[in-house]
Amino acid sequence: MGGPRPGEGSRPPDTPPSAPVAEDLPALKGAADSSKKGALNINAAPQARVLVDGKPVGRTPQIGLPVDPGRHTVVFVFADGRQKKQTVTVGPGQTVTAGDGTRG
């Protein structure tokens, strides 16, 4: 008889039935999150093999390559053995372009 009504069992006794409690609230979405991935667009002329932070990622062009936020070293290795190194900083959710389209 005097027990809680359906749906009220987890509410503190002084909480009105219409007041949300923590378990009723969805997780916040869209909050600033420094772990959110960024992306690299990488291009060079002539075409080159590409390493990002020492790891091969394929040949140019690379579009929307996901990376963690922070500083990254991009190395272009051209067919004749020449290399070009570029350092870029990518923010959370940001897309950064590496390479300038000129010959290594």
Foldseek 3Di string as FASTA:
>chain_A
DPDDDPPCPPPDPPDPPVDDDPVRDDDDPPDDDQFAKEFEFEAEPPKFFKDKQNHTDGIPGDPGHTDHFAKIKIWTQDPVGDIDIDIDGTTHHYYYYDYDHYHD
